[in-house]
């Protein structure tokens, strides 16, 4: 299954605050430019599901669930230490 097909088949996506927005917002060049995407995520009713999805598939790019790729790596490391 392609990445696009995977995203389409996630039912929580229909409730996402980012639905219909320009995807480029969520792919900032630097972490410092991620504020706009994070502000959308802050209002999202499915933020935690989105973040868990990104963590689960080890998404390498973009802002997912309010976290940049660097922040997601940090969460994964913290979870490993506490496991």
PDB file of N, CA and C in Angstrom:
ATOM      1  N   UNK A   1       0.852  -1.187   0.000  1.00  0.00           N
ATOM      2  CA  UNK A   1       0.000   0.000   0.000  1.00  0.00           C
ATOM      3  C   UNK A   1       0.891   1.241   0.000  1.00  0.00           C
ATOM      4  N   UNK A   2       0.585   2.193  -0.811  1.00  0.00           N
ATOM      5  CA  UNK A   2       1.384   3.414  -0.886  1.00  0.00           C
ATOM      6  C   UNK A   2       1.117   4.302   0.325  1.00  0.00           C
ATOM      7  N   UNK A   3       2.033   5.268   0.563  1.00  0.00           N
ATOM      8  CA  UNK A   3       1.850   6.199   1.673  1.00  0.00           C
ATOM      9  C   UNK A   3       0.568   7.006   1.513  1.00  0.00           C
ATOM     10  N   UNK A   4       0.256   7.408   0.291  1.00  0.00           N
ATOM     11  CA  UNK A   4      -0.965   8.165   0.043  1.00  0.00           C
ATOM     12  C   UNK A   4      -2.192   7.326   0.365  1.00  0.00           C
ATOM     13  N   UNK A   5      -2.199   6.078  -0.065  1.00  0.00           N
ATOM     14  CA  UNK A   5      -3.328   5.193   0.227  1.00  0.00           C
ATOM     15  C   UNK A   5      -3.461   4.977   1.722  1.00  0.00           C
ATOM     16  N   UNK A   6      -2.347   4.868   2.423  1.00  0.00           N
ATOM     17  CA  UNK A   6      -2.379   4.689   3.871  1.00  0.00           C
ATOM     18  C   UNK A   6      -3.053   5.876   4.533  1.00  0.00           C
ATOM     19  N   UNK A   7      -2.698   7.088   4.136  1.00  0.00           N
ATOM     20  CA  UNK A   7      -3.295   8.279   4.728  1.00  0.00           C
ATOM     21  C   UNK A   7      -4.780   8.372   4.438  1.00  0.00           C
ATOM     22  N   UNK A   8      -5.176   8.027   3.248  1.00  0.00           N
ATOM     23  CA  UNK A   8      -6.586   8.101   2.879  1.00  0.00           C
ATOM     24  C   UNK A   8      -7.414   7.133   3.711  1.00  0.00           C
ATOM     25  N   UNK A   9      -6.852   6.010   4.081  1.00  0.00           N
ATOM     26  CA  UNK A   9      -7.580   4.984   4.820  1.00  0.00           C
ATOM     27  C   UNK A   9      -7.570   5.178   6.332  1.00  0.00           C
ATOM     28  N   UNK A  10      -7.075   6.296   6.810  1.00  0.00           N
ATOM     29  CA  UNK A  10      -7.091   6.573   8.240  1.00  0.00           C
ATOM     30  C   UNK A  10      -8.331   7.402   8.566  1.00  0.00           C
ATOM     31  N   UNK A  11      -9.319   6.803   9.239  1.00  0.00           N
ATOM     32  CA  UNK A  11     -10.594   7.498   9.457  1.00  0.00           C
ATOM     33  C   UNK A  11     -10.480   8.805  10.236  1.00  0.00           C
ATOM     34  N   UNK A  12      -9.512   8.913  11.135  1.00  0.00           N
ATOM     35  CA  UNK A  12      -9.376  10.139  11.912  1.00  0.00           C
ATOM     36  C   UNK A  12      -9.024  11.341  11.053  1.00  0.00           C
ATOM     37  N   UNK A  13      -8.445  11.114   9.871  1.00  0.00           N
ATOM     38  CA  UNK A  13      -8.034  12.213   8.993  1.00  0.00           C
ATOM     39  C   UNK A  13      -9.215  13.097   8.596  1.00  0.00           C
ATOM     40  N   UNK A  14     -10.413  12.531   8.534  1.00  0.00           N
ATOM     41  CA  UNK A  14     -11.566  13.343   8.125  1.00  0.00           C
ATOM     42  C   UNK A  14     -11.912  14.407   9.163  1.00  0.00           C
ATOM     43  N   UNK A  15     -11.424  14.260  10.392  1.00  0.00           N
ATOM     44  CA  UNK A  15     -11.686  15.233  11.451  1.00  0.00           C
ATOM     45  C   UNK A  15     -10.500  16.153  11.715  1.00  0.00           C
ATOM     46  N   UNK A  16      -9.439  16.022  10.943  1.00  0.00           N
ATOM     47  CA  UNK A  16      -8.217  16.779  11.191  1.00  0.00           C
ATOM     48  C   UNK A  16      -8.389  18.258  10.848  1.00  0.00           C
ATOM     49  N   UNK A  17      -7.822  19.108  11.680  1.00  0.00           N
ATOM     50  CA  UNK A  17      -7.886  20.556  11.457  1.00  0.00           C
ATOM     51  C   UNK A  17      -7.126  20.961  10.199  1.00  0.00           C
ATOM     52  N   UNK A  18      -6.181  20.141   9.769  1.00  0.00           N
ATOM     53  CA  UNK A  18      -5.381  20.466   8.587  1.00  0.00           C
ATOM     54  C   UNK A  18      -6.059  20.076   7.283  1.00  0.00           C
ATOM     55  N   UNK A  19      -7.148  19.381   7.377  1.00  0.00           N
ATOM     56  CA  UNK A  19      -7.838  18.930   6.162  1.00  0.00           C
ATOM     57  C   UNK A  19      -8.210  20.122   5.288  1.00  0.00           C
ATOM     58  N   UNK A  20      -7.765  20.066   4.037  1.00  0.00           N
ATOM     59  CA  UNK A  20      -8.073  21.119   3.090  1.00  0.00           C
ATOM     60  C   UNK A  20      -7.084  22.277   3.070  1.00  0.00           C
ATOM     61  N   UNK A  21      -6.156  22.284   4.027  1.00  0.00           N
ATOM     62  CA  UNK A  21      -5.150  23.350   4.041  1.00  0.00           C
ATOM     63  C   UNK A  21      -4.006  23.002   3.102  1.00  0.00           C
ATOM     64  N   UNK A  22      -3.244  23.992   2.739  1.00  0.00           N
ATOM     65  CA  UNK A  22      -2.075  23.794   1.888  1.00  0.00           C
ATOM     66  C   UNK A  22      -1.058  22.920   2.640  1.00  0.00           C
ATOM     67  N   UNK A  23      -0.738  21.747   2.125  1.00  0.00           N
ATOM     68  CA  UNK A  23       0.191  20.843   2.809  1.00  0.00           C
ATOM     69  C   UNK A  23       1.574  21.446   3.049  1.00  0.00           C
ATOM     70  N   UNK A  24       1.975  22.420   2.236  1.00  0.00           N
ATOM     71  CA  UNK A  24       3.310  22.994   2.413  1.00  0.00           C
ATOM     72  C   UNK A  24       3.475  23.656   3.776  1.00  0.00           C
ATOM     73  N   UNK A  25       2.372  24.063   4.395  1.00  0.00           N
ATOM     74  CA  UNK A  25       2.421  24.635   5.750  1.00  0.00           C
ATOM     75  C   UNK A  25       3.077  23.649   6.710  1.00  0.00           C
ATOM     76  N   UNK A  26       2.831  22.373   6.490  1.00  0.00           N
ATOM     77  CA  UNK A  26       3.272  21.334   7.421  1.00  0.00           C
ATOM     78  C   UNK A  26       4.641  20.749   7.082  1.00  0.00           C
ATOM     79  N   UNK A  27       5.302  21.355   6.120  1.00  0.00           N
ATOM     80  CA  UNK A  27       6.649  20.916   5.733  1.00  0.00           C
ATOM     81  C   UNK A  27       7.585  22.120   5.706  1.00  0.00           C
ATOM     82  N   UNK A  28       7.798  22.734   6.878  1.00  0.00           N
ATOM     83  CA  UNK A  28       8.670  23.904   6.946  1.00  0.00           C
ATOM     84  C   UNK A  28      10.134  23.499   6.693  1.00  0.00           C
ATOM     85  N   UNK A  29      10.908  24.456   6.234  1.00  0.00           N
ATOM     86  CA  UNK A  29      12.316  24.201   5.947  1.00  0.00           C
ATOM     87  C   UNK A  29      13.102  23.986   7.238  1.00  0.00           C
ATOM     88  N   UNK A  30      12.782  24.757   8.274  1.00  0.00           N
ATOM     89  CA  UNK A  30      13.458  24.620   9.565  1.00  0.00           C
ATOM     90  C   UNK A  30      12.423  24.434  10.670  1.00  0.00           C
ATOM     91  N   UNK A  31      12.876  23.930  11.812  1.00  0.00           N
ATOM     92  CA  UNK A  31      11.980  23.781  12.960  1.00  0.00           C
ATOM     93  C   UNK A  31      11.423  25.129  13.403  1.00  0.00           C
ATOM     94  N   UNK A  32      12.207  26.181  13.260  1.00  0.00           N
ATOM     95  CA  UNK A  32      11.768  27.514  13.667  1.00  0.00           C
ATOM     96  C   UNK A  32      10.583  27.995  12.839  1.00  0.00           C
ATOM     97  N   UNK A  33      10.434  27.486  11.620  1.00  0.00           N
ATOM     98  CA  UNK A  33       9.341  27.890  10.738  1.00  0.00           C
ATOM     99  C   UNK A  33       8.084  27.040  10.941  1.00  0.00           C
ATOM    100  N   UNK A  34       8.077  26.200  11.944  1.00  0.00           N
ATOM    101  CA  UNK A  34       6.965  25.272  12.161  1.00  0.00           C
ATOM    102  C   UNK A  34       5.812  25.868  12.966  1.00  0.00           C
ATOM    103  N   UNK A  35       5.920  27.104  13.391  1.00  0.00           N
ATOM    104  CA  UNK A  35       4.909  27.703  14.274  1.00  0.00           C
ATOM    105  C   UNK A  35       3.517  27.713  13.657  1.00  0.00           C
ATOM    106  N   UNK A  36       3.397  28.006  12.377  1.00  0.00           N
ATOM    107  CA  UNK A  36       2.082  28.045  11.732  1.00  0.00           C
ATOM    108  C   UNK A  36       1.425  26.669  11.771  1.00  0.00           C
ATOM    109  N   UNK A  37       2.180  25.645  11.414  1.00  0.00           N
ATOM    110  CA  UNK A  37       1.642  24.289  11.438  1.00  0.00           C
ATOM    111  C   UNK A  37       1.258  23.888  12.857  1.00  0.00           C
ATOM    112  N   UNK A  38       2.108  24.187  13.798  1.00  0.00           N
ATOM    113  CA  UNK A  38       1.825  23.824  15.193  1.00  0.00           C
ATOM    114  C   UNK A  38       0.575  24.522  15.720  1.00  0.00           C
ATOM    115  N   UNK A  39       0.330  25.755  15.259  1.00  0.00           N
ATOM    116  CA  UNK A  39      -0.873  26.459  15.716  1.00  0.00           C
ATOM    117  C   UNK A  39      -2.134  25.780  15.195  1.00  0.00           C
ATOM    118  N   UNK A  40      -2.078  25.205  14.001  1.00  0.00           N
ATOM    119  CA  UNK A  40      -3.208  24.433  13.478  1.00  0.00           C
ATOM    120  C   UNK A  40      -3.366  23.165  14.317  1.00  0.00           C
ATOM    121  N   UNK A  41      -2.268  22.485  14.588  1.00  0.00           N
ATOM    122  CA  UNK A  41      -2.309  21.244  15.369  1.00  0.00           C
ATOM    123  C   UNK A  41      -2.849  21.479  16.778  1.00  0.00           C
ATOM    124  N   UNK A  42      -2.529  22.632  17.356  1.00  0.00           N
ATOM    125  CA  UNK A  42      -2.996  22.943  18.713  1.00  0.00           C
ATOM    126  C   UNK A  42      -4.517  22.941  18.814  1.00  0.00           C
ATOM    127  N   UNK A  43      -5.198  23.224  17.720  1.00  0.00           N
ATOM    128  CA  UNK A  43      -6.660  23.284  17.700  1.00  0.00           C
ATOM    129  C   UNK A  43      -7.308  22.007  17.197  1.00  0.00           C
ATOM    130  N   UNK A  44      -6.496  21.020  16.863  1.00  0.00           N
ATOM    131  CA  UNK A  44      -6.991  19.823  16.182  1.00  0.00           C
ATOM    132  C   UNK A  44      -7.557  18.786  17.154  1.00  0.00           C
ATOM    133  N   UNK A  45      -8.765  18.279  16.879  1.00  0.00           N
ATOM    134  CA  UNK A  45      -9.362  17.274  17.754  1.00  0.00           C
ATOM    135  C   UNK A  45      -8.710  15.890  17.637  1.00  0.00           C
ATOM    136  N   UNK A  46      -7.912  15.674  16.606  1.00  0.00           N
ATOM    137  CA  UNK A  46      -7.272  14.366  16.429  1.00  0.00           C
ATOM    138  C   UNK A  46      -5.746  14.461  16.518  1.00  0.00           C
ATOM    139  N   UNK A  47      -5.270  15.478  17.188  1.00  0.00           N
ATOM    140  CA  UNK A  47      -3.827  15.714  17.296  1.00  0.00           C
ATOM    141  C   UNK A  47      -3.082  14.495  17.842  1.00  0.00           C
ATOM    142  N   UNK A  48      -3.571  13.889  18.890  1.00  0.00           N
ATOM    143  CA  UNK A  48      -2.863  12.755  19.487  1.00  0.00           C
ATOM    144  C   UNK A  48      -2.845  11.548  18.553  1.00  0.00           C
ATOM    145  N   UNK A  49      -3.930  11.317  17.819  1.00  0.00           N
ATOM    146  CA  UNK A  49      -3.959  10.208  16.854  1.00  0.00           C
ATOM    147  C   UNK A  49      -2.959  10.447  15.727  1.00  0.00           C
ATOM    148  N   UNK A  50      -2.880  11.670  15.276  1.00  0.00           N
ATOM    149  CA  UNK A  50      -1.949  12.041  14.216  1.00  0.00           C
ATOM    150  C   UNK A  50      -0.506  11.834  14.683  1.00  0.00           C
ATOM    151  N   UNK A  51      -0.219  12.295  15.890  1.00  0.00           N
ATOM    152  CA  UNK A  51       1.133  12.128  16.431  1.00  0.00           C
ATOM    153  C   UNK A  51       1.483  10.651  16.576  1.00  0.00           C
ATOM    154  N   UNK A  52       0.575   9.861  17.108  1.00  0.00           N
ATOM    155  CA  UNK A  52       0.850   8.429  17.272  1.00  0.00           C
ATOM    156  C   UNK A  52       1.051   7.739  15.930  1.00  0.00           C
ATOM    157  N   UNK A  53       0.307   8.167  14.925  1.00  0.00           N
ATOM    158  CA  UNK A  53       0.496   7.625  13.580  1.00  0.00           C
ATOM    159  C   UNK A  53       1.915   7.932  13.094  1.00  0.00           C
ATOM    160  N   UNK A  54       2.317   9.193  13.217  1.00  0.00           N
ATOM    161  CA  UNK A  54       3.650   9.603  12.758  1.00  0.00           C
ATOM    162  C   UNK A  54       4.748   8.872  13.519  1.00  0.00           C
ATOM    163  N   UNK A  55       4.562   8.691  14.812  1.00  0.00           N
ATOM    164  CA  UNK A  55       5.553   7.954  15.605  1.00  0.00           C
ATOM    165  C   UNK A  55       5.601   6.494  15.177  1.00  0.00           C
ATOM    166  N   UNK A  56       4.434   5.930  14.929  1.00  0.00           N
ATOM    167  CA  UNK A  56       4.347   4.520  14.565  1.00  0.00           C
ATOM    168  C   UNK A  56       4.994   4.185  13.235  1.00  0.00           C
ATOM    169  N   UNK A  57       4.890   5.105  12.276  1.00  0.00           N
ATOM    170  CA  UNK A  57       5.483   4.834  10.965  1.00  0.00           C
ATOM    171  C   UNK A  57       6.848   5.496  10.817  1.00  0.00           C
ATOM    172  N   UNK A  58       7.300   6.128  11.896  1.00  0.00           N
ATOM    173  CA  UNK A  58       8.600   6.820  11.897  1.00  0.00           C
ATOM    174  C   UNK A  58       8.677   7.860  10.771  1.00  0.00           C
ATOM    175  N   UNK A  59       7.629   8.679  10.698  1.00  0.00           N
ATOM    176  CA  UNK A  59       7.571   9.737   9.692  1.00  0.00           C
ATOM    177  C   UNK A  59       8.798  10.635   9.837  1.00  0.00           C
ATOM    178  N   UNK A  60       9.493  10.849   8.753  1.00  0.00           N
ATOM    179  CA  UNK A  60      10.759  11.580   8.784  1.00  0.00           C
ATOM    180  C   UNK A  60      10.631  13.063   8.447  1.00  0.00           C
ATOM    181  N   UNK A  61       9.522  13.483   7.899  1.00  0.00           N
ATOM    182  CA  UNK A  61       9.394  14.875   7.463  1.00  0.00           C
ATOM    183  C   UNK A  61       8.102  15.497   7.971  1.00  0.00           C
ATOM    184  N   UNK A  62       8.137  16.799   8.096  1.00  0.00           N
ATOM    185  CA  UNK A  62       6.933  17.557   8.380  1.00  0.00           C
ATOM    186  C   UNK A  62       6.531  17.615   9.841  1.00  0.00           C
ATOM    187  N   UNK A  63       5.480  18.390  10.064  1.00  0.00           N
ATOM    188  CA  UNK A  63       4.873  18.528  11.388  1.00  0.00           C
ATOM    189  C   UNK A  63       3.662  17.610  11.417  1.00  0.00           C
ATOM    190  N   UNK A  64       3.646  16.719  12.369  1.00  0.00           N
ATOM    191  CA  UNK A  64       2.548  15.756  12.562  1.00  0.00           C
ATOM    192  C   UNK A  64       2.167  15.789  14.032  1.00  0.00           C
ATOM    193  N   UNK A  65       0.904  15.939  14.318  1.00  0.00           N
ATOM    194  CA  UNK A  65       0.454  15.941  15.704  1.00  0.00           C
ATOM    195  C   UNK A  65       1.097  17.031  16.539  1.00  0.00           C
ATOM    196  N   UNK A  66       1.482  18.108  15.891  1.00  0.00           N
ATOM    197  CA  UNK A  66       2.076  19.235  16.597  1.00  0.00           C
ATOM    198  C   UNK A  66       3.558  19.106  16.870  1.00  0.00           C
ATOM    199  N   UNK A  67       4.195  18.092  16.316  1.00  0.00           N
ATOM    200  CA  UNK A  67       5.625  17.874  16.565  1.00  0.00           C
ATOM    201  C   UNK A  67       6.417  17.815  15.269  1.00  0.00           C
ATOM    202  N   UNK A  68       7.584  18.414  15.308  1.00  0.00           N
ATOM    203  CA  UNK A  68       8.508  18.322  14.183  1.00  0.00           C
ATOM    204  C   UNK A  68       9.201  16.968  14.222  1.00  0.00           C
ATOM    205  N   UNK A  69       9.930  16.666  13.178  1.00  0.00           N
ATOM    206  CA  UNK A  69      10.652  15.395  13.125  1.00  0.00           C
ATOM    207  C   UNK A  69      11.633  15.274  14.285  1.00  0.00           C
ATOM    208  N   UNK A  70      12.307  16.339  14.626  1.00  0.00           N
ATOM    209  CA  UNK A  70      13.251  16.336  15.764  1.00  0.00           C
ATOM    210  C   UNK A  70      12.516  16.039  17.075  1.00  0.00           C
ATOM    211  N   UNK A  71      11.363  16.658  17.256  1.00  0.00           N
ATOM    212  CA  UNK A  71      10.585  16.435  18.478  1.00  0.00           C
ATOM    213  C   UNK A  71      10.073  14.996  18.545  1.00  0.00           C
ATOM    214  N   UNK A  72       9.680  14.460  17.398  1.00  0.00           N
ATOM    215  CA  UNK A  72       9.216  13.062  17.387  1.00  0.00           C
ATOM    216  C   UNK A  72      10.348  12.104  17.728  1.00  0.00           C
ATOM    217  N   UNK A  73      11.552  12.367  17.228  1.00  0.00           N
ATOM    218  CA  UNK A  73      12.706  11.523  17.592  1.00  0.00           C
ATOM    219  C   UNK A  73      12.944  11.558  19.097  1.00  0.00           C
ATOM    220  N   UNK A  74      12.796  12.736  19.685  1.00  0.00           N
ATOM    221  CA  UNK A  74      12.979  12.881  21.132  1.00  0.00           C
ATOM    222  C   UNK A  74      11.931  12.053  21.895  1.00  0.00           C
ATOM    223  N   UNK A  75      10.692  12.095  21.438  1.00  0.00           N
ATOM    224  CA  UNK A  75       9.625  11.311  22.083  1.00  0.00           C
ATOM    225  C   UNK A  75       9.945   9.824  21.998  1.00  0.00           C
ATOM    226  N   UNK A  76      10.379   9.364  20.836  1.00  0.00           N
ATOM    227  CA  UNK A  76      10.719   7.948  20.679  1.00  0.00           C
ATOM    228  C   UNK A  76      11.850   7.558  21.623  1.00  0.00           C
ATOM    229  N   UNK A  77      12.873   8.394  21.720  1.00  0.00           N
ATOM    230  CA  UNK A  77      13.994   8.095  22.644  1.00  0.00           C
ATOM    231  C   UNK A  77      13.504   8.035  24.092  1.00  0.00           C
ATOM    232  N   UNK A  78      12.654   8.992  24.481  1.00  0.00           N
ATOM    233  CA  UNK A  78      12.129   9.004  25.850  1.00  0.00           C
ATOM    234  C   UNK A  78      11.301   7.760  26.136  1.00  0.00           C
ATOM    235  N   UNK A  79      10.507   7.338  25.175  1.00  0.00           N
ATOM    236  CA  UNK A  79       9.683   6.140  25.365  1.00  0.00           C
ATOM    237  C   UNK A  79      10.561   4.889  25.497  1.00  0.00           C
ATOM    238  N   UNK A  80      11.628   4.831  24.730  1.00  0.00           N
ATOM    239  CA  UNK A  80      12.532   3.687  24.823  1.00  0.00           C
ATOM    240  C   UNK A  80      13.180   3.615  26.196  1.00  0.00           C
ATOM    241  N   UNK A  81      13.598   4.783  26.712  1.00  0.00           N
ATOM    242  CA  UNK A  81      14.258   4.825  28.030  1.00  0.00           C
ATOM    243  C   UNK A  81      13.310   4.396  29.146  1.00  0.00           C
ATOM    244  N   UNK A  82      12.037   4.774  29.024  1.00  0.00           N
ATOM    245  CA  UNK A  82      11.098   4.472  30.100  1.00  0.00           C
ATOM    246  C   UNK A  82      10.465   3.087  29.959  1.00  0.00           C
ATOM    247  N   UNK A  83      10.751   2.402  28.866  1.00  0.00           N
ATOM    248  CA  UNK A  83      10.174   1.066  28.652  1.00  0.00           C
ATOM    249  C   UNK A  83      10.945  -0.002  29.398  1.00  0.00           C
TER     250      UNK A  83
END
